[in-house]
C-alpha atoms as a PDB file:
ATOM      1  CA  MET A   1      60.598  89.364 105.013  1.00  0.00           C
ATOM      2  CA  ARG A   2      63.653  86.845 104.355  1.00  0.00           C
ATOM      3  CA  ARG A   3      66.711  86.993 106.061  1.00  0.00           C
ATOM      4  CA  ILE A   4      69.674  87.646 104.240  1.00  0.00           C
ATOM      5  CA  SER A   5      72.226  84.679 104.644  1.00  0.00           C
ATOM      6  CA  ARG A   6      75.511  85.811 106.370  1.00  0.00           C
ATOM      7  CA  ARG A   7      77.048  82.493 105.918  1.00  0.00           C
ATOM      8  CA  PRO A   8      80.718  82.854 105.709  1.00  0.00           C
ATOM      9  CA  ALA A   9      82.248  81.950 101.845  1.00  0.00           C
ATOM     10  CA  PRO A  10      83.231  78.030 101.709  1.00  0.00           C
ATOM     11  CA  TRP A  11      86.834  79.162 100.505  1.00  0.00           C
ATOM     12  CA  LEU A  12      87.197  81.387 103.742  1.00  0.00           C
ATOM     13  CA  VAL A  13      85.788  78.439 105.835  1.00  0.00           C
ATOM     14  CA  ALA A  14      88.339  75.967 103.893  1.00  0.00           C
ATOM     15  CA  LEU A  15      91.093  78.619 104.638  1.00  0.00           C
ATOM     16  CA  ALA A  16      90.121  78.936 108.279  1.00  0.00           C
ATOM     17  CA  ALA A  17      90.342  74.996 108.627  1.00  0.00           C
ATOM     18  CA  THR A  18      93.469  74.730 107.244  1.00  0.00           C
ATOM     19  CA  SER A  19      94.909  77.403 109.306  1.00  0.00           C
ATOM     20  CA  LEU A  20      93.284  75.408 112.718  1.00  0.00           C
ATOM     21  CA  ALA A  21      94.489  72.301 111.491  1.00  0.00           C
ATOM     22  CA  ALA A  22      98.099  73.215 111.441  1.00  0.00           C
ATOM     23  CA  TRP A  23      98.135  74.804 114.464  1.00  0.00           C
ATOM     24  CA  SER A  24      96.705  71.925 116.325  1.00  0.00           C
ATOM     25  CA  VAL A  25      99.275  69.889 114.829  1.00  0.00           C
ATOM     26  CA  LEU A  26     101.977  72.101 115.802  1.00  0.00           C
ATOM     27  CA  ALA A  27     100.312  72.285 118.958  1.00  0.00           C
ATOM     28  CA  VAL A  28     100.466  68.608 119.471  1.00  0.00           C
ATOM     29  CA  ASP A  29     104.009  68.327 118.325  1.00  0.00           C
ATOM     30  CA  ARG A  30     105.142  71.169 119.846  1.00  0.00           C
ATOM     31  CA  GLY A  31     107.960  69.652 121.295  1.00  0.00           C
ATOM     32  CA  GLU A  32     109.367  67.685 118.006  1.00  0.00           C
ATOM     33  CA  PHE A  33     108.110  70.118 115.271  1.00  0.00           C
ATOM     34  CA  THR A  34     111.340  72.595 115.307  1.00  0.00           C
ATOM     35  CA  PRO A  35     113.653  71.005 113.122  1.00  0.00           C
ATOM     36  CA  VAL A  36     116.616  70.072 115.394  1.00  0.00           C
ATOM     37  CA  VAL A  37     119.617  72.125 113.183  1.00  0.00           C
ATOM     38  CA  LEU A  38     117.342  75.332 113.891  1.00  0.00           C
ATOM     39  CA  CYS A  39     116.489  75.307 117.645  1.00  0.00           C
ATOM     40  CA  SER A  40     118.333  72.647 119.348  1.00  0.00           C
ATOM     41  CA  ALA A  41     120.049  73.478 122.773  1.00  0.00           C
ATOM     42  CA  ALA A  42     123.349  71.894 121.563  1.00  0.00           C
ATOM     43  CA  SER A  43     126.233  73.923 121.376  1.00  0.00           C
ATOM     44  CA  ALA A  44     127.509  75.527 118.349  1.00  0.00           C
ATOM     45  CA  TRP A  45     128.688  73.095 115.595  1.00  0.00           C
ATOM     46  CA  ALA A  46     131.926  73.692 114.180  1.00  0.00           C
ATOM     47  CA  SER A  47     131.070  74.723 110.783  1.00  0.00           C
ATOM     48  CA  VAL A  48     128.454  75.309 108.343  1.00  0.00           C
ATOM     49  CA  SER A  49     129.093  72.243 106.449  1.00  0.00           C
ATOM     50  CA  ALA A  50     129.197  69.834 109.460  1.00  0.00           C
ATOM     51  CA  SER A  51     126.473  71.431 110.696  1.00  0.00           C
ATOM     52  CA  LEU A  52     124.185  70.758 107.734  1.00  0.00           C
ATOM     53  CA  ASP A  53     125.365  66.908 107.665  1.00  0.00           C
ATOM     54  CA  LEU A  54     124.184  66.427 111.156  1.00  0.00           C
ATOM     55  CA  ALA A  55     121.004  68.319 110.461  1.00  0.00           C
ATOM     56  CA  LEU A  56     120.501  65.890 107.585  1.00  0.00           C
ATOM     57  CA  VAL A  57     120.866  63.098 109.847  1.00  0.00           C
ATOM     58  CA  PHE A  58     118.059  64.046 112.172  1.00  0.00           C
ATOM     59  CA  ASP A  59     115.676  66.103 109.665  1.00  0.00           C
ATOM     60  CA  SER A  60     115.655  65.084 105.543  1.00  0.00           C
ATOM     61  CA  PRO A  61     115.224  68.110 103.153  1.00  0.00           C
ATOM     62  CA  ALA A  62     111.467  66.904 102.784  1.00  0.00           C
ATOM     63  CA  ARG A  63     110.775  67.115 106.630  1.00  0.00           C
ATOM     64  CA  LEU A  64     112.244  70.310 106.475  1.00  0.00           C
ATOM     65  CA  ALA A  65     110.137  71.288 103.720  1.00  0.00           C
ATOM     66  CA  ALA A  66     106.872  69.812 105.413  1.00  0.00           C
ATOM     67  CA  ASP A  67     107.518  71.516 108.719  1.00  0.00           C
ATOM     68  CA  TRP A  68     108.087  74.878 107.128  1.00  0.00           C
ATOM     69  CA  ALA A  69     104.921  74.616 104.735  1.00  0.00           C
ATOM     70  CA  LEU A  70     103.223  73.449 107.944  1.00  0.00           C
ATOM     71  CA  MET A  71     104.347  76.615 109.821  1.00  0.00           C
ATOM     72  CA  LEU A  72     103.366  78.694 106.644  1.00  0.00           C
ATOM     73  CA  ALA A  73      99.851  77.167 106.789  1.00  0.00           C
ATOM     74  CA  ALA A  74      99.241  78.189 110.486  1.00  0.00           C
ATOM     75  CA  MET A  75     100.712  81.336 110.444  1.00  0.00           C
ATOM     76  CA  MET A  76     100.087  82.954 106.877  1.00  0.00           C
ATOM     77  CA  SER A  77      96.581  81.916 105.900  1.00  0.00           C
ATOM     78  CA  PRO A  78      94.749  85.162 107.673  1.00  0.00           C
ATOM     79  CA  LEU A  79      97.213  87.260 105.369  1.00  0.00           C
ATOM     80  CA  VAL A  80      95.992  85.663 102.001  1.00  0.00           C
ATOM     81  CA  VAL A  81      92.380  86.330 102.927  1.00  0.00           C
ATOM     82  CA  ALA A  82      92.490  89.900 101.230  1.00  0.00           C
ATOM     83  CA  PRO A  83      94.322  88.976  98.088  1.00  0.00           C
ATOM     84  CA  LEU A  84      92.454  85.931  97.605  1.00  0.00           C
ATOM     85  CA  ARG A  85      89.278  88.036  97.821  1.00  0.00           C
ATOM     86  CA  HIS A  86      90.583  90.037  95.071  1.00  0.00           C
ATOM     87  CA  VAL A  87      91.109  87.133  92.552  1.00  0.00           C
ATOM     88  CA  HIS A  88      87.389  85.546  93.622  1.00  0.00           C
ATOM     89  CA  GLU A  89      86.024  89.015  93.020  1.00  0.00           C
ATOM     90  CA  ARG A  90      87.912  89.301  89.655  1.00  0.00           C
ATOM     91  CA  SER A  91      87.195  85.763  88.231  1.00  0.00           C
ATOM     92  CA  PHE A  92      84.490  84.162  86.289  1.00  0.00           C
ATOM     93  CA  ALA A  93      82.205  81.555  88.356  1.00  0.00           C
ATOM     94  CA  ARG A  94      83.663  78.858  86.402  1.00  0.00           C
ATOM     95  CA  ARG A  95      87.342  79.648  86.682  1.00  0.00           C
ATOM     96  CA  ARG A  96      87.523  81.192  90.183  1.00  0.00           C
ATOM     97  CA  ALA A  97      88.484  77.866  92.246  1.00  0.00           C
ATOM     98  CA  ARG A  98      91.077  77.443  89.665  1.00  0.00           C
ATOM     99  CA  ALA A  99      92.237  81.123  89.876  1.00  0.00           C
ATOM    100  CA  MET A 100      92.521  80.885  93.633  1.00  0.00           C
ATOM    101  CA  LEU A 101      94.186  77.808  93.724  1.00  0.00           C
ATOM    102  CA  LEU A 102      96.760  79.245  91.130  1.00  0.00           C
ATOM    103  CA  PHE A 103      97.311  82.491  93.229  1.00  0.00           C
ATOM    104  CA  LEU A 104      97.821  80.211  96.443  1.00  0.00           C
ATOM    105  CA  ALA A 105     100.680  77.921  94.376  1.00  0.00           C
ATOM    106  CA  GLY A 106     102.328  80.952  93.566  1.00  0.00           C
ATOM    107  CA  TYR A 107     102.125  82.639  97.238  1.00  0.00           C
ATOM    108  CA  ALA A 108     103.594  78.964  98.518  1.00  0.00           C
ATOM    109  CA  ALA A 109     106.141  78.802  95.794  1.00  0.00           C
ATOM    110  CA  ALA A 110     107.654  82.472  97.043  1.00  0.00           C
ATOM    111  CA  TRP A 111     107.204  81.794 100.822  1.00  0.00           C
ATOM    112  CA  MET A 112     108.840  78.250 100.364  1.00  0.00           C
ATOM    113  CA  SER A 113     111.978  79.718  98.219  1.00  0.00           C
ATOM    114  CA  ALA A 114     111.967  82.085 100.904  1.00  0.00           C
ATOM    115  CA  GLY A 115     112.053  79.507 103.803  1.00  0.00           C
ATOM    116  CA  ALA A 116     114.553  77.799 102.447  1.00  0.00           C
ATOM    117  CA  CYS A 117     117.044  81.073 102.569  1.00  0.00           C
ATOM    118  CA  LEU A 118     115.813  81.762 106.085  1.00  0.00           C
ATOM    119  CA  GLN A 119     116.632  77.801 106.630  1.00  0.00           C
ATOM    120  CA  VAL A 120     120.415  77.986 105.628  1.00  0.00           C
ATOM    121  CA  LEU A 121     120.687  81.796 107.358  1.00  0.00           C
ATOM    122  CA  ALA A 122     119.571  80.143 110.665  1.00  0.00           C
ATOM    123  CA  LEU A 123     121.590  77.362 110.049  1.00  0.00           C
ATOM    124  CA  ALA A 124     124.939  79.371 109.443  1.00  0.00           C
ATOM    125  CA  THR A 125     124.260  81.800 112.625  1.00  0.00           C
ATOM    126  CA  ARG A 126     123.755  78.703 115.286  1.00  0.00           C
ATOM    127  CA  SER A 127     127.114  77.544 113.689  1.00  0.00           C
ATOM    128  CA  MET A 128     128.658  80.374 114.912  1.00  0.00           C
ATOM    129  CA  ALA A 129     126.788  81.123 118.173  1.00  0.00           C
ATOM    130  CA  PRO A 130     124.832  80.068 121.328  1.00  0.00           C
ATOM    131  CA  ALA A 131     121.062  79.798 120.858  1.00  0.00           C
ATOM    132  CA  PRO A 132     120.433  82.942 123.225  1.00  0.00           C
ATOM    133  CA  LEU A 133     122.852  84.987 121.116  1.00  0.00           C
ATOM    134  CA  CYS A 134     121.284  83.951 118.110  1.00  0.00           C
ATOM    135  CA  LEU A 135     117.830  85.059 119.466  1.00  0.00           C
ATOM    136  CA  GLY A 136     118.776  88.238 120.450  1.00  0.00           C
ATOM    137  CA  LEU A 137     120.289  88.921 116.639  1.00  0.00           C
ATOM    138  CA  ALA A 138     117.246  87.811 115.377  1.00  0.00           C
ATOM    139  CA  ALA A 139     115.602  90.331 117.627  1.00  0.00           C
ATOM    140  CA  LEU A 140     117.827  93.208 116.654  1.00  0.00           C
ATOM    141  CA  ALA A 141     117.577  92.199 112.741  1.00  0.00           C
ATOM    142  CA  ALA A 142     113.801  92.145 113.186  1.00  0.00           C
ATOM    143  CA  LEU A 143     113.937  95.687 115.023  1.00  0.00           C
ATOM    144  CA  ALA A 144     116.320  97.373 112.427  1.00  0.00           C
ATOM    145  CA  TRP A 145     114.074  95.777 109.593  1.00  0.00           C
ATOM    146  CA  GLN A 146     110.977  96.871 110.901  1.00  0.00           C
ATOM    147  CA  VAL A 147     111.985 100.593 111.327  1.00  0.00           C
ATOM    148  CA  SER A 148     113.397 100.374 107.435  1.00  0.00           C
ATOM    149  CA  PRO A 149     111.985 102.170 104.371  1.00  0.00           C
ATOM    150  CA  ALA A 150     112.743  98.806 102.433  1.00  0.00           C
ATOM    151  CA  LYS A 151     109.639  97.178 105.064  1.00  0.00           C
ATOM    152  CA  GLN A 152     107.563  99.620 104.380  1.00  0.00           C
ATOM    153  CA  TRP A 153     108.503  99.027 100.281  1.00  0.00           C
ATOM    154  CA  CYS A 154     107.349  95.341 101.027  1.00  0.00           C
ATOM    155  CA  LEU A 155     103.948  96.161 103.051  1.00  0.00           C
ATOM    156  CA  ASN A 156     103.181  98.729 100.057  1.00  0.00           C
ATOM    157  CA  ARG A 157     103.606  95.979  97.771  1.00  0.00           C
ATOM    158  CA  CYS A 158     101.292  93.660  99.547  1.00  0.00           C
ATOM    159  CA  HIS A 159      98.413  96.011  99.407  1.00  0.00           C
ATOM    160  CA  ARG A 160      98.621  96.220  95.677  1.00  0.00           C
ATOM    161  CA  ARG A 161      95.819  94.892  93.583  1.00  0.00           C
ATOM    162  CA  PRO A 162      96.252  94.284  90.085  1.00  0.00           C
ATOM    163  CA  PRO A 163      94.204  93.657  87.286  1.00  0.00           C
ATOM    164  CA  LEU A 164      93.703  90.111  86.459  1.00  0.00           C
ATOM    165  CA  ALA A 165      92.359  88.538  82.734  1.00  0.00           C
ATOM    166  CA  ALA A 166      89.338  86.833  82.516  1.00  0.00           C
ATOM    167  CA  PHE A 167      89.992  84.141  79.945  1.00  0.00           C
ATOM    168  CA  ALA A 168      92.478  81.099  78.941  1.00  0.00           C
ATOM    169  CA  ALA A 169      95.889  80.998  79.431  1.00  0.00           C
ATOM    170  CA  PRO A 170      96.397  85.126  80.298  1.00  0.00           C
ATOM    171  CA  ALA A 171      93.897  84.335  83.564  1.00  0.00           C
ATOM    172  CA  ASP A 172      95.814  81.639  84.817  1.00  0.00           C
ATOM    173  CA  ARG A 173      98.807  83.143  84.202  1.00  0.00           C
ATOM    174  CA  ASP A 174      98.135  86.433  86.134  1.00  0.00           C
ATOM    175  CA  ALA A 175      96.753  84.586  89.162  1.00  0.00           C
ATOM    176  CA  PHE A 176      99.791  82.578  89.681  1.00  0.00           C
ATOM    177  CA  PHE A 177     101.902  85.601  89.043  1.00  0.00           C
ATOM    178  CA  PHE A 178      99.895  87.779  91.461  1.00  0.00           C
ATOM    179  CA  GLY A 179     100.392  85.112  94.189  1.00  0.00           C
ATOM    180  CA  LEU A 180     104.191  84.755  93.333  1.00  0.00           C
ATOM    181  CA  ALA A 181     104.263  88.466  93.413  1.00  0.00           C
ATOM    182  CA  ASN A 182     102.144  88.603  96.882  1.00  0.00           C
ATOM    183  CA  GLY A 183     104.296  86.084  98.461  1.00  0.00           C
ATOM    184  CA  GLY A 184     107.562  87.543  97.319  1.00  0.00           C
ATOM    185  CA  ALA A 185     106.237  91.092  99.228  1.00  0.00           C
ATOM    186  CA  CYS A 186     105.060  89.114 102.096  1.00  0.00           C
ATOM    187  CA  ALA A 187     108.168  87.489 102.760  1.00  0.00           C
ATOM    188  CA  GLY A 188     110.269  90.470 102.402  1.00  0.00           C
ATOM    189  CA  ALA A 189     108.033  91.863 105.123  1.00  0.00           C
ATOM    190  CA  CYS A 190     108.104  89.329 107.272  1.00  0.00           C
ATOM    191  CA  TRP A 191     111.335  87.413 106.758  1.00  0.00           C
ATOM    192  CA  ALA A 192     112.863  89.006 110.024  1.00  0.00           C
ATOM    193  CA  LEU A 193     110.427  88.260 112.172  1.00  0.00           C
ATOM    194  CA  MET A 194     110.074  84.878 110.981  1.00  0.00           C
ATOM    195  CA  LEU A 195     113.456  84.042 112.405  1.00  0.00           C
ATOM    196  CA  LEU A 196     112.391  84.615 115.765  1.00  0.00           C
ATOM    197  CA  PRO A 197     110.254  81.317 116.090  1.00  0.00           C
ATOM    198  CA  LEU A 198     113.273  79.425 114.469  1.00  0.00           C
ATOM    199  CA  PHE A 199     115.653  80.640 117.415  1.00  0.00           C
ATOM    200  CA  ALA A 200     112.973  80.396 119.810  1.00  0.00           C
ATOM    201  CA  GLY A 201     113.704  76.870 121.069  1.00  0.00           C
ATOM    202  CA  PRO A 202     111.055  75.450 123.470  1.00  0.00           C
ATOM    203  CA  ALA A 203     109.094  78.512 123.218  1.00  0.00           C
ATOM    204  CA  HIS A 204     109.068  78.233 119.237  1.00  0.00           C
ATOM    205  CA  LEU A 205     105.149  78.155 119.271  1.00  0.00           C
ATOM    206  CA  ALA A 206     104.199  81.247 121.290  1.00  0.00           C
ATOM    207  CA  ALA A 207     106.811  82.971 119.230  1.00  0.00           C
ATOM    208  CA  MET A 208     104.907  81.825 116.183  1.00  0.00           C
ATOM    209  CA  VAL A 209     101.629  82.944 118.066  1.00  0.00           C
ATOM    210  CA  ALA A 210     103.023  86.294 118.651  1.00  0.00           C
ATOM    211  CA  VAL A 211     104.530  86.956 115.344  1.00  0.00           C
ATOM    212  CA  THR A 212     101.325  85.711 113.603  1.00  0.00           C
ATOM    213  CA  LEU A 213      99.290  88.533 115.557  1.00  0.00           C
ATOM    214  CA  PHE A 214     101.948  91.096 114.924  1.00  0.00           C
ATOM    215  CA  VAL A 215     102.074  90.987 111.220  1.00  0.00           C
ATOM    216  CA  CYS A 216      97.992  90.524 111.043  1.00  0.00           C
ATOM    217  CA  ALA A 217      97.597  93.537 113.017  1.00  0.00           C
ATOM    218  CA  GLU A 218     100.741  95.846 111.064  1.00  0.00           C
ATOM    219  CA  ARG A 219      98.768  94.822 107.727  1.00  0.00           C
ATOM    220  CA  LEU A 220      95.892  96.812 108.673  1.00  0.00           C
ATOM    221  CA  GLU A 221      97.787  99.646 108.174  1.00  0.00           C
ATOM    222  CA  ALA A 222      97.609 101.327 104.709  1.00  0.00           C
ATOM    223  CA  ALA A 223     100.410 101.889 102.163  1.00  0.00           C
ATOM    224  CA  ALA A 224     102.568 104.882 103.240  1.00  0.00           C
ATOM    225  CA  PRO A 225     105.856 106.671 101.942  1.00  0.00           C
ATOM    226  CA  LEU A 226     109.202 105.239 102.433  1.00  0.00           C
ATOM    227  CA  ALA A 227     110.597 106.442 105.106  1.00  0.00           C
ATOM    228  CA  TRP A 228     112.639 105.516 108.152  1.00  0.00           C
ATOM    229  CA  ARG A 229     109.780 105.102 111.485  1.00  0.00           C
ATOM    230  CA  TRP A 230     108.719 102.301 113.515  1.00  0.00           C
ATOM    231  CA  ARG A 231     105.913 100.231 111.808  1.00  0.00           C
ATOM    232  CA  GLY A 232     103.156  98.478 114.511  1.00  0.00           C
ATOM    233  CA  PRO A 233      99.884  97.305 114.797  1.00  0.00           C
ATOM    234  CA  GLY A 234      98.881 100.805 115.505  1.00  0.00           C
ATOM    235  CA  LYS A 235      95.236 100.689 113.878  1.00  0.00           C
ATOM    236  CA  ALA A 236      94.278  97.345 114.970  1.00  0.00           C
ATOM    237  CA  LEU A 237      95.329  98.990 118.652  1.00  0.00           C
ATOM    238  CA  ARG A 238      93.213 101.804 117.883  1.00  0.00           C
ATOM    239  CA  ILE A 239      90.315  99.579 116.523  1.00  0.00           C
ATOM    240  CA  VAL A 240      90.551  97.688 119.939  1.00  0.00           C
ATOM    241  CA  ALA A 241      90.316 100.627 121.711  1.00  0.00           C
ATOM    242  CA  ALA A 242      87.620 101.932 119.988  1.00  0.00           C
ATOM    243  CA  GLN A 243      85.497  98.853 120.592  1.00  0.00           C
ATOM    244  CA  ALA A 244      86.401  98.725 124.076  1.00  0.00           C
ATOM    245  CA  ALA A 245      85.021 102.482 124.580  1.00  0.00           C
ATOM    246  CA  MET A 246      81.890 101.429 122.791  1.00  0.00           C
ATOM    247  CA  ARG A 247      81.245  98.427 125.106  1.00  0.00           C
ATOM    248  CA  LEU A 248      82.383 100.374 128.108  1.00  0.00           C
ATOM    249  CA  ALA A 249      80.705 103.520 127.973  1.00  0.00           C
ATOM    250  CA  PRO A 250      76.954 102.494 128.705  1.00  0.00           C
ATOM    251  CA  ARG A 251      78.043 100.829 131.886  1.00  0.00           C
ATOM    252  CA  LEU A 252      79.736 104.044 132.753  1.00  0.00           C
ATOM    253  CA  ARG A 253      76.796 106.278 132.285  1.00  0.00           C
ATOM    254  CA  GLU A 254      74.962 103.829 134.530  1.00  0.00           C
ATOM    255  CA  ALA A 255      77.437 103.768 137.220  1.00  0.00           C
ATOM    256  CA  VAL A 256      77.314 107.869 136.918  1.00  0.00           C
ATOM    257  CA  SER A 257      73.737 107.803 137.346  1.00  0.00           C
END
C-alpha cells in the first residue's frame, strides 16, 4: 500500500521561510531595527514637525518602509495562511501562483498604508510625552479597542471568504481586492496592538513576539455578533488545555493504578 504524502505545500514552506527569515533579521538587528523616531529613549521633542525633520536625519522614508515591511513579514505571515488557502483552492493551477501573489500584493498595500498612519501617530505621541507614558497610552488604546464592537466587526471581515472569478482580468482583480480587503480588515483589527512594539523600546522584539502569538490565537475564534466584550485567545487556550489533558490522562491512570 502506498504511503500518502504529507509534505506541506510549497507555498506554505515559502511563507514559513519568509517569516523565519524576517524574525532572524529582527533578532540579529534587535538593537537597531526600531526607528529612532519611534523607540528612542530621548526626551520629548518640541513639535511634530521638528520630530519629523530629526527622524528623517536618522531614518529615511525608504528605511522606515523597509523596516515596517520586515515587521509585517515576520508577524503577519501566519495570518495570511487561511485566506491564501482560499485563493489557492479557488484558482486554476496555471493561474494559482499569480492569484496568490496578487492577493499578497493587496494585503501588503493595505498594511503598508496602515503602517504609515501608525508611524505618524507614534511620532506625534512621542513628541508630546515620554516613552513610558506613550507605552501606557498605547496599552490603554489596545485594551479599549480589544473590547469594542468595532474590533469584532474587523475580525468578522477577516473571516470572509468571497467568491473569486476564475478567468482573465476579473480573476486578477478579485484576487487583488480580496487581499486589499483582508489586509484592511486585519489592520483594523490589529492596529492598536501593533502600537505596542513601536513604543516598547529595547523590548520591541519581545513585544512583537507577544503580539504575534496573541493575534494568531484570537484569529482562531469564529465570527461573532457585535458587542462590548473581551476578545482574547480563548479557543487557543482551550485547545492547549485539551491537548495537555489528553497527554496527561494516561500518565495519571498509570500513577493511580
